[in-house]
Amino acid sequence: MLLDYCPDCISIIDENHIIVSTYDFVNDETKTGVLLLLNNNLNIVDKLDCDGILHFKIINNYISLCTWKGDVWTVEI
């Protein structure tokens, strides 16, 4: 399977789930991103569209991420 996204950062949550973030340069003022939850077959389980994601950290059942705009988001897995 091929993803329609260019992965930037990948982290394994457990034996059944993977988190992937993207950072796509559109122009000097716009960078887009997606946070993907994938199953072990690389099918998309959940998706969050946002600004370009610079980094994310998994803590317990939450993902904290920061965007290129300096925003910090926390989402539940």
C-alpha atoms as a PDB file:
ATOM      1  CA  MET A   1       0.000   0.000   0.000  1.00  0.00           C
ATOM      2  CA  LEU A   2       1.221   3.505  -0.800  1.00  0.00           C
ATOM      3  CA  LEU A   3       0.304   6.469   1.345  1.00  0.00           C
ATOM      4  CA  ASP A   4      -0.922   9.653  -0.304  1.00  0.00           C
ATOM      5  CA  TYR A   5       1.225  11.521   2.223  1.00  0.00           C
ATOM      6  CA  CYS A   6       4.948  12.056   2.565  1.00  0.00           C
ATOM      7  CA  PRO A   7       5.802  10.917   6.118  1.00  0.00           C
ATOM      8  CA  ASP A   8       8.083  13.121   8.166  1.00  0.00           C
ATOM      9  CA  CYS A   9       8.105  11.418  11.566  1.00  0.00           C
ATOM     10  CA  ILE A  10       6.981   7.891  12.476  1.00  0.00           C
ATOM     11  CA  SER A  11       6.448   6.289  15.880  1.00  0.00           C
ATOM     12  CA  ILE A  12       5.172   2.840  16.838  1.00  0.00           C
ATOM     13  CA  ILE A  13       2.526   2.941  19.580  1.00  0.00           C
ATOM     14  CA  ASP A  14       2.093  -0.802  20.021  1.00  0.00           C
ATOM     15  CA  GLU A  15       2.090  -3.963  17.910  1.00  0.00           C
ATOM     16  CA  ASN A  16      -1.096  -2.799  16.139  1.00  0.00           C
ATOM     17  CA  HIS A  17      -0.731   0.979  15.671  1.00  0.00           C
ATOM     18  CA  ILE A  18       1.678   3.472  14.134  1.00  0.00           C
ATOM     19  CA  ILE A  19       1.585   7.282  14.258  1.00  0.00           C
ATOM     20  CA  VAL A  20       2.818   9.220  11.217  1.00  0.00           C
ATOM     21  CA  SER A  21       3.133  12.985  10.897  1.00  0.00           C
ATOM     22  CA  THR A  22       3.737  15.055   7.776  1.00  0.00           C
ATOM     23  CA  TYR A  23       5.146  18.458   6.963  1.00  0.00           C
ATOM     24  CA  ASP A  24       4.468  19.723   3.446  1.00  0.00           C
ATOM     25  CA  PHE A  25       5.830  23.027   2.163  1.00  0.00           C
ATOM     26  CA  VAL A  26       3.190  24.903   0.146  1.00  0.00           C
ATOM     27  CA  ASN A  27       4.837  28.346   0.113  1.00  0.00           C
ATOM     28  CA  ASP A  28       6.675  30.708   2.495  1.00  0.00           C
ATOM     29  CA  GLU A  29       3.481  31.387   4.432  1.00  0.00           C
ATOM     30  CA  THR A  30       1.817  27.979   4.323  1.00  0.00           C
ATOM     31  CA  LYS A  31       2.943  24.571   5.473  1.00  0.00           C
ATOM     32  CA  THR A  32       0.370  21.825   5.827  1.00  0.00           C
ATOM     33  CA  GLY A  33       0.437  18.634   7.810  1.00  0.00           C
ATOM     34  CA  VAL A  34      -1.484  15.543   8.745  1.00  0.00           C
ATOM     35  CA  LEU A  35      -1.321  13.309  11.799  1.00  0.00           C
ATOM     36  CA  LEU A  36      -2.228   9.739  10.854  1.00  0.00           C
ATOM     37  CA  LEU A  37      -3.051   6.755  13.030  1.00  0.00           C
ATOM     38  CA  LEU A  38      -2.355   3.591  11.025  1.00  0.00           C
ATOM     39  CA  ASN A  39      -3.037  -0.041  11.847  1.00  0.00           C
ATOM     40  CA  ASN A  40      -0.451  -2.782  11.317  1.00  0.00           C
ATOM     41  CA  ASN A  41      -1.646  -3.194   7.694  1.00  0.00           C
ATOM     42  CA  LEU A  42      -0.906   0.535   7.103  1.00  0.00           C
ATOM     43  CA  ASN A  43      -4.588   1.377   6.707  1.00  0.00           C
ATOM     44  CA  ILE A  44      -5.620   4.774   8.023  1.00  0.00           C
ATOM     45  CA  VAL A  45      -7.619   4.423  11.240  1.00  0.00           C
ATOM     46  CA  ASP A  46      -7.870   8.149  12.025  1.00  0.00           C
ATOM     47  CA  LYS A  47      -6.598  11.393  10.518  1.00  0.00           C
ATOM     48  CA  LEU A  48      -6.121  14.954  11.790  1.00  0.00           C
ATOM     49  CA  ASP A  49      -5.459  17.750   9.280  1.00  0.00           C
ATOM     50  CA  CYS A  50      -3.427  20.634  10.703  1.00  0.00           C
ATOM     51  CA  ASP A  51      -0.509  22.937  10.001  1.00  0.00           C
ATOM     52  CA  GLY A  52       2.860  21.359   9.236  1.00  0.00           C
ATOM     53  CA  ILE A  53       3.950  19.208  12.176  1.00  0.00           C
ATOM     54  CA  LEU A  54       7.498  19.805  13.377  1.00  0.00           C
ATOM     55  CA  HIS A  55       7.517  17.217  16.151  1.00  0.00           C
ATOM     56  CA  PHE A  56       5.225  15.023  18.225  1.00  0.00           C
ATOM     57  CA  LYS A  57       5.576  13.090  21.462  1.00  0.00           C
ATOM     58  CA  ILE A  58       3.407  10.222  22.714  1.00  0.00           C
ATOM     59  CA  ILE A  59       2.649  10.308  26.441  1.00  0.00           C
ATOM     60  CA  ASN A  60       0.299   7.635  27.786  1.00  0.00           C
ATOM     61  CA  ASN A  61      -2.809   7.816  25.538  1.00  0.00           C
ATOM     62  CA  TYR A  62      -2.105  11.337  24.270  1.00  0.00           C
ATOM     63  CA  ILE A  63      -0.076  12.858  21.468  1.00  0.00           C
ATOM     64  CA  SER A  64       1.373  16.323  21.944  1.00  0.00           C
ATOM     65  CA  LEU A  65       2.512  17.975  18.753  1.00  0.00           C
ATOM     66  CA  CYS A  66       3.920  21.330  17.725  1.00  0.00           C
ATOM     67  CA  THR A  67       3.287  22.990  14.379  1.00  0.00           C
ATOM     68  CA  TRP A  68       5.461  25.282  12.308  1.00  0.00           C
ATOM     69  CA  LYS A  69       3.326  28.213  13.528  1.00  0.00           C
ATOM     70  CA  GLY A  70       4.332  27.505  17.133  1.00  0.00           C
ATOM     71  CA  ASP A  71       0.974  26.028  18.165  1.00  0.00           C
ATOM     72  CA  VAL A  72       0.958  23.070  20.549  1.00  0.00           C
ATOM     73  CA  TRP A  73      -1.864  20.565  20.242  1.00  0.00           C
ATOM     74  CA  THR A  74      -2.722  17.631  22.474  1.00  0.00           C
ATOM     75  CA  VAL A  75      -4.978  14.908  21.103  1.00  0.00           C
ATOM     76  CA  GLU A  76      -6.171  11.635  22.568  1.00  0.00           C
ATOM     77  CA  ILE A  77      -5.201   8.474  20.718  1.00  0.00           C
END
